[in-house]
């Protein structure tokens, strides 16, 4: 938890026997929790159709396992990371957001909550748009709970379409400290 509060997060390196390294990037990707969060119209229609069942913390072990299978042989989610985050989940610190279709887990994401900051770790999908539905569900939940920060670590084209943006590590840490310590 201290590493998260200091702007770092763990990743295992499969090329080095799953050795875990702490990453502290120069820039951080953030997903907005206000009106600048963009949901493509077709995705919002799908979300509102309620085709999927959406749950929180019902299948944490399965979600992190599916995320680890995302890029078999080239994943940063090692068995040790799975064990640690599963323990964090049991302690109420790590959470999963699940997407189900016809009783089967088809998408989801997991991350860590500290105060009103959520640190997104990974997501997966087995059905088109299921991980995007999980992200919209997460953002809606975080807004309802008055969260103030959604960290996505690094930007990618998938996240850019939702309005994700980068800040410097210095700005990230400043905002995080304000949120954690209630400084305005």
C-alpha atoms as a PDB file:
ATOM      1  CA  UNK A   1       0.000   0.000   0.000  1.00  0.00           C
ATOM      2  CA  UNK A   2       2.882   2.324   0.780  1.00  0.00           C
ATOM      3  CA  UNK A   3       4.224   1.831  -2.739  1.00  0.00           C
ATOM      4  CA  UNK A   4       0.893   2.934  -4.232  1.00  0.00           C
ATOM      5  CA  UNK A   5       0.910   6.019  -2.016  1.00  0.00           C
ATOM      6  CA  UNK A   6       4.406   6.861  -3.234  1.00  0.00           C
ATOM      7  CA  UNK A   7       3.439   6.513  -6.908  1.00  0.00           C
ATOM      8  CA  UNK A   8       4.750   3.016  -7.653  1.00  0.00           C
ATOM      9  CA  UNK A   9       3.099  -0.263  -8.630  1.00  0.00           C
ATOM     10  CA  UNK A  10       4.426  -3.827  -9.039  1.00  0.00           C
ATOM     11  CA  UNK A  11       4.956  -5.786 -12.229  1.00  0.00           C
ATOM     12  CA  UNK A  12       6.555  -9.182 -12.669  1.00  0.00           C
ATOM     13  CA  UNK A  13       9.026  -9.726 -15.487  1.00  0.00           C
ATOM     14  CA  UNK A  14       8.417 -13.141 -17.117  1.00  0.00           C
ATOM     15  CA  UNK A  15      11.828 -12.929 -18.809  1.00  0.00           C
ATOM     16  CA  UNK A  16      13.501 -12.830 -15.403  1.00  0.00           C
ATOM     17  CA  UNK A  17      11.736 -15.672 -13.625  1.00  0.00           C
ATOM     18  CA  UNK A  18       8.771 -13.485 -12.649  1.00  0.00           C
ATOM     19  CA  UNK A  19      11.014 -11.188 -10.609  1.00  0.00           C
ATOM     20  CA  UNK A  20       8.808  -8.358  -9.314  1.00  0.00           C
ATOM     21  CA  UNK A  21       9.860  -4.789 -10.032  1.00  0.00           C
ATOM     22  CA  UNK A  22       8.344  -1.570  -8.757  1.00  0.00           C
ATOM     23  CA  UNK A  23       7.465   0.790 -11.580  1.00  0.00           C
ATOM     24  CA  UNK A  24       7.373   4.540 -11.096  1.00  0.00           C
ATOM     25  CA  UNK A  25       6.696   6.013 -14.535  1.00  0.00           C
ATOM     26  CA  UNK A  26       7.490   9.641 -15.368  1.00  0.00           C
ATOM     27  CA  UNK A  27       3.888  10.136 -16.497  1.00  0.00           C
ATOM     28  CA  UNK A  28       0.676   8.530 -15.253  1.00  0.00           C
ATOM     29  CA  UNK A  29      -2.483   7.746 -17.137  1.00  0.00           C
ATOM     30  CA  UNK A  30      -5.707   8.907 -15.507  1.00  0.00           C
ATOM     31  CA  UNK A  31      -9.314   8.300 -16.446  1.00  0.00           C
ATOM     32  CA  UNK A  32     -11.606  11.241 -15.716  1.00  0.00           C
ATOM     33  CA  UNK A  33     -14.391  10.862 -13.177  1.00  0.00           C
ATOM     34  CA  UNK A  34     -16.355  13.860 -14.410  1.00  0.00           C
ATOM     35  CA  UNK A  35     -18.149  14.949 -17.570  1.00  0.00           C
ATOM     36  CA  UNK A  36     -14.974  14.517 -19.626  1.00  0.00           C
ATOM     37  CA  UNK A  37     -15.283  10.708 -19.333  1.00  0.00           C
ATOM     38  CA  UNK A  38     -16.368   9.767 -22.857  1.00  0.00           C
ATOM     39  CA  UNK A  39     -18.360   6.668 -23.696  1.00  0.00           C
ATOM     40  CA  UNK A  40     -18.883   5.905 -27.387  1.00  0.00           C
ATOM     41  CA  UNK A  41     -22.605   6.031 -28.219  1.00  0.00           C
ATOM     42  CA  UNK A  42     -22.840   2.411 -29.340  1.00  0.00           C
ATOM     43  CA  UNK A  43     -21.140   1.262 -26.137  1.00  0.00           C
ATOM     44  CA  UNK A  44     -23.459   3.365 -23.967  1.00  0.00           C
ATOM     45  CA  UNK A  45     -26.465   1.857 -25.774  1.00  0.00           C
ATOM     46  CA  UNK A  46     -25.096  -1.623 -25.066  1.00  0.00           C
ATOM     47  CA  UNK A  47     -24.459  -0.705 -21.419  1.00  0.00           C
ATOM     48  CA  UNK A  48     -28.004   0.631 -20.968  1.00  0.00           C
ATOM     49  CA  UNK A  49     -29.563  -2.440 -22.624  1.00  0.00           C
ATOM     50  CA  UNK A  50     -28.542  -4.377 -19.514  1.00  0.00           C
ATOM     51  CA  UNK A  51     -27.562  -7.335 -21.670  1.00  0.00           C
ATOM     52  CA  UNK A  52     -24.820  -8.104 -19.144  1.00  0.00           C
ATOM     53  CA  UNK A  53     -25.064  -8.774 -15.431  1.00  0.00           C
ATOM     54  CA  UNK A  54     -22.623  -6.527 -13.564  1.00  0.00           C
ATOM     55  CA  UNK A  55     -21.224  -7.422 -10.141  1.00  0.00           C
ATOM     56  CA  UNK A  56     -18.541  -6.266  -7.741  1.00  0.00           C
ATOM     57  CA  UNK A  57     -16.224  -8.631  -5.860  1.00  0.00           C
ATOM     58  CA  UNK A  58     -18.190 -11.768  -6.744  1.00  0.00           C
ATOM     59  CA  UNK A  59     -15.332 -13.433  -8.643  1.00  0.00           C
ATOM     60  CA  UNK A  60     -12.063 -11.705  -7.733  1.00  0.00           C
ATOM     61  CA  UNK A  61      -9.863 -14.833  -8.087  1.00  0.00           C
ATOM     62  CA  UNK A  62     -11.327 -15.595 -11.503  1.00  0.00           C
ATOM     63  CA  UNK A  63     -10.916 -12.007 -12.727  1.00  0.00           C
ATOM     64  CA  UNK A  64      -7.244 -11.754 -11.770  1.00  0.00           C
ATOM     65  CA  UNK A  65      -6.598 -15.208 -13.231  1.00  0.00           C
ATOM     66  CA  UNK A  66      -8.238 -14.228 -16.545  1.00  0.00           C
ATOM     67  CA  UNK A  67      -6.207 -11.006 -16.587  1.00  0.00           C
ATOM     68  CA  UNK A  68      -3.023 -13.049 -16.112  1.00  0.00           C
ATOM     69  CA  UNK A  69      -3.932 -15.214 -19.115  1.00  0.00           C
ATOM     70  CA  UNK A  70      -4.349 -12.162 -21.308  1.00  0.00           C
ATOM     71  CA  UNK A  71      -0.930 -12.531 -22.893  1.00  0.00           C
ATOM     72  CA  UNK A  72       0.176 -16.049 -22.041  1.00  0.00           C
ATOM     73  CA  UNK A  73       3.915 -16.230 -21.502  1.00  0.00           C
ATOM     74  CA  UNK A  74       4.234 -12.457 -21.626  1.00  0.00           C
ATOM     75  CA  UNK A  75       2.202 -11.253 -18.672  1.00  0.00           C
ATOM     76  CA  UNK A  76       3.304  -9.116 -15.759  1.00  0.00           C
ATOM     77  CA  UNK A  77       0.793 -10.861 -13.447  1.00  0.00           C
ATOM     78  CA  UNK A  78       2.787 -13.660 -11.825  1.00  0.00           C
ATOM     79  CA  UNK A  79       1.555 -16.283  -9.371  1.00  0.00           C
ATOM     80  CA  UNK A  80       3.065 -14.197  -6.565  1.00  0.00           C
ATOM     81  CA  UNK A  81       1.168 -11.105  -7.704  1.00  0.00           C
ATOM     82  CA  UNK A  82      -2.042 -13.152  -7.896  1.00  0.00           C
ATOM     83  CA  UNK A  83      -1.481 -14.384  -4.325  1.00  0.00           C
ATOM     84  CA  UNK A  84      -0.723 -10.916  -2.944  1.00  0.00           C
ATOM     85  CA  UNK A  85      -3.693  -9.219  -4.637  1.00  0.00           C
ATOM     86  CA  UNK A  86      -6.002 -12.048  -3.601  1.00  0.00           C
ATOM     87  CA  UNK A  87      -4.900 -11.459  -0.003  1.00  0.00           C
ATOM     88  CA  UNK A  88      -5.430  -7.712  -0.485  1.00  0.00           C
ATOM     89  CA  UNK A  89      -8.926  -8.541  -1.740  1.00  0.00           C
ATOM     90  CA  UNK A  90      -9.620 -10.554   1.408  1.00  0.00           C
ATOM     91  CA  UNK A  91      -8.534  -7.499   3.420  1.00  0.00           C
ATOM     92  CA  UNK A  92     -10.954  -5.268   1.471  1.00  0.00           C
ATOM     93  CA  UNK A  93      -8.248  -3.364  -0.424  1.00  0.00           C
ATOM     94  CA  UNK A  94      -8.405  -4.933  -3.904  1.00  0.00           C
ATOM     95  CA  UNK A  95     -11.674  -5.137  -5.823  1.00  0.00           C
ATOM     96  CA  UNK A  96     -13.016  -6.712  -8.978  1.00  0.00           C
ATOM     97  CA  UNK A  97     -15.750  -5.513 -11.301  1.00  0.00           C
ATOM     98  CA  UNK A  98     -17.266  -8.378 -13.260  1.00  0.00           C
ATOM     99  CA  UNK A  99     -19.280  -8.688 -16.461  1.00  0.00           C
ATOM    100  CA  UNK A 100     -21.430 -11.808 -16.914  1.00  0.00           C
ATOM    101  CA  UNK A 101     -23.381 -13.093 -19.900  1.00  0.00           C
ATOM    102  CA  UNK A 102     -25.769 -16.011 -19.514  1.00  0.00           C
ATOM    103  CA  UNK A 103     -24.133 -16.921 -16.187  1.00  0.00           C
ATOM    104  CA  UNK A 104     -20.576 -16.960 -17.559  1.00  0.00           C
ATOM    105  CA  UNK A 105     -17.833 -14.497 -16.623  1.00  0.00           C
ATOM    106  CA  UNK A 106     -16.994 -12.743 -19.896  1.00  0.00           C
ATOM    107  CA  UNK A 107     -15.114  -9.655 -18.772  1.00  0.00           C
ATOM    108  CA  UNK A 108     -13.849  -7.702 -15.854  1.00  0.00           C
ATOM    109  CA  UNK A 109     -11.156  -5.672 -14.222  1.00  0.00           C
ATOM    110  CA  UNK A 110      -9.484  -5.363 -10.858  1.00  0.00           C
ATOM    111  CA  UNK A 111      -7.628  -2.744  -8.890  1.00  0.00           C
ATOM    112  CA  UNK A 112      -6.853  -1.270  -5.495  1.00  0.00           C
ATOM    113  CA  UNK A 113      -8.831   1.350  -3.584  1.00  0.00           C
ATOM    114  CA  UNK A 114      -7.131   3.657  -1.089  1.00  0.00           C
ATOM    115  CA  UNK A 115      -9.367   6.367   0.287  1.00  0.00           C
ATOM    116  CA  UNK A 116     -11.075   8.009  -2.673  1.00  0.00           C
ATOM    117  CA  UNK A 117      -8.405   6.879  -5.176  1.00  0.00           C
ATOM    118  CA  UNK A 118      -8.728   3.752  -7.314  1.00  0.00           C
ATOM    119  CA  UNK A 119      -5.677   2.212  -8.963  1.00  0.00           C
ATOM    120  CA  UNK A 120      -6.736   0.136 -11.957  1.00  0.00           C
ATOM    121  CA  UNK A 121      -4.486  -2.854 -12.541  1.00  0.00           C
ATOM    122  CA  UNK A 122      -5.746  -4.978 -15.418  1.00  0.00           C
ATOM    123  CA  UNK A 123      -8.806  -5.954 -17.411  1.00  0.00           C
ATOM    124  CA  UNK A 124      -9.876  -8.783 -19.693  1.00  0.00           C
ATOM    125  CA  UNK A 125     -12.673  -9.769 -22.043  1.00  0.00           C
ATOM    126  CA  UNK A 126     -13.915 -12.970 -23.632  1.00  0.00           C
ATOM    127  CA  UNK A 127     -16.792 -11.263 -25.444  1.00  0.00           C
ATOM    128  CA  UNK A 128     -16.498  -8.117 -27.545  1.00  0.00           C
ATOM    129  CA  UNK A 129     -16.816  -4.929 -25.441  1.00  0.00           C
ATOM    130  CA  UNK A 130     -17.033  -6.781 -22.092  1.00  0.00           C
ATOM    131  CA  UNK A 131     -13.904  -5.077 -20.680  1.00  0.00           C
ATOM    132  CA  UNK A 132     -15.244  -1.704 -21.867  1.00  0.00           C
ATOM    133  CA  UNK A 133     -18.550  -2.431 -20.119  1.00  0.00           C
ATOM    134  CA  UNK A 134     -16.549  -3.232 -16.952  1.00  0.00           C
ATOM    135  CA  UNK A 135     -14.767   0.124 -17.238  1.00  0.00           C
ATOM    136  CA  UNK A 136     -18.025   2.066 -17.650  1.00  0.00           C
ATOM    137  CA  UNK A 137     -19.432   0.161 -14.647  1.00  0.00           C
ATOM    138  CA  UNK A 138     -16.324   1.012 -12.605  1.00  0.00           C
ATOM    139  CA  UNK A 139     -16.509   4.713 -13.476  1.00  0.00           C
ATOM    140  CA  UNK A 140     -20.238   4.860 -12.662  1.00  0.00           C
ATOM    141  CA  UNK A 141     -19.556   3.177  -9.313  1.00  0.00           C
ATOM    142  CA  UNK A 142     -16.616   5.454  -8.483  1.00  0.00           C
ATOM    143  CA  UNK A 143     -18.682   8.543  -9.317  1.00  0.00           C
ATOM    144  CA  UNK A 144     -21.514   7.345  -7.058  1.00  0.00           C
ATOM    145  CA  UNK A 145     -19.009   6.784  -4.244  1.00  0.00           C
ATOM    146  CA  UNK A 146     -17.409  10.230  -4.756  1.00  0.00           C
ATOM    147  CA  UNK A 147     -13.997   8.896  -5.758  1.00  0.00           C
ATOM    148  CA  UNK A 148     -11.655  11.597  -6.989  1.00  0.00           C
ATOM    149  CA  UNK A 149      -8.952   9.695  -8.875  1.00  0.00           C
ATOM    150  CA  UNK A 150      -8.863   6.737 -11.268  1.00  0.00           C
ATOM    151  CA  UNK A 151      -5.294   5.745 -12.102  1.00  0.00           C
ATOM    152  CA  UNK A 152      -4.787   3.584 -15.197  1.00  0.00           C
ATOM    153  CA  UNK A 153      -0.964   3.656 -14.981  1.00  0.00           C
ATOM    154  CA  UNK A 154      -0.219   3.839 -18.714  1.00  0.00           C
ATOM    155  CA  UNK A 155      -2.256   5.120 -21.641  1.00  0.00           C
ATOM    156  CA  UNK A 156      -3.242   2.979 -24.597  1.00  0.00           C
ATOM    157  CA  UNK A 157      -5.650   3.485 -27.524  1.00  0.00           C
ATOM    158  CA  UNK A 158      -8.346   1.527 -25.663  1.00  0.00           C
ATOM    159  CA  UNK A 159      -8.285   4.020 -22.768  1.00  0.00           C
ATOM    160  CA  UNK A 160      -7.758   7.160 -24.860  1.00  0.00           C
ATOM    161  CA  UNK A 161     -11.217   6.760 -26.413  1.00  0.00           C
ATOM    162  CA  UNK A 162     -12.696   7.277 -22.918  1.00  0.00           C
ATOM    163  CA  UNK A 163     -10.900  10.577 -22.396  1.00  0.00           C
ATOM    164  CA  UNK A 164      -7.919   9.188 -20.481  1.00  0.00           C
ATOM    165  CA  UNK A 165      -5.022  11.612 -20.220  1.00  0.00           C
ATOM    166  CA  UNK A 166      -1.515  11.846 -18.812  1.00  0.00           C
ATOM    167  CA  UNK A 167      -0.087  13.887 -15.971  1.00  0.00           C
ATOM    168  CA  UNK A 168       3.466  14.083 -14.712  1.00  0.00           C
ATOM    169  CA  UNK A 169       4.428  11.860 -11.804  1.00  0.00           C
ATOM    170  CA  UNK A 170       4.847  15.025  -9.717  1.00  0.00           C
ATOM    171  CA  UNK A 171       1.291  16.177 -10.496  1.00  0.00           C
ATOM    172  CA  UNK A 172      -0.016  12.651  -9.879  1.00  0.00           C
ATOM    173  CA  UNK A 173       1.613  12.502  -6.434  1.00  0.00           C
ATOM    174  CA  UNK A 174       0.382  15.969  -5.540  1.00  0.00           C
ATOM    175  CA  UNK A 175      -3.212  15.090  -6.469  1.00  0.00           C
ATOM    176  CA  UNK A 176      -2.955  11.743  -4.688  1.00  0.00           C
ATOM    177  CA  UNK A 177      -1.724  13.385  -1.481  1.00  0.00           C
ATOM    178  CA  UNK A 178      -4.541  15.935  -1.641  1.00  0.00           C
ATOM    179  CA  UNK A 179      -7.077  13.146  -2.003  1.00  0.00           C
ATOM    180  CA  UNK A 180      -5.620  10.843   0.656  1.00  0.00           C
ATOM    181  CA  UNK A 181      -5.016  13.589   3.211  1.00  0.00           C
ATOM    182  CA  UNK A 182      -8.017  15.787   2.383  1.00  0.00           C
ATOM    183  CA  UNK A 183      -5.820  18.768   1.475  1.00  0.00           C
ATOM    184  CA  UNK A 184      -7.477  21.356  -0.771  1.00  0.00           C
END
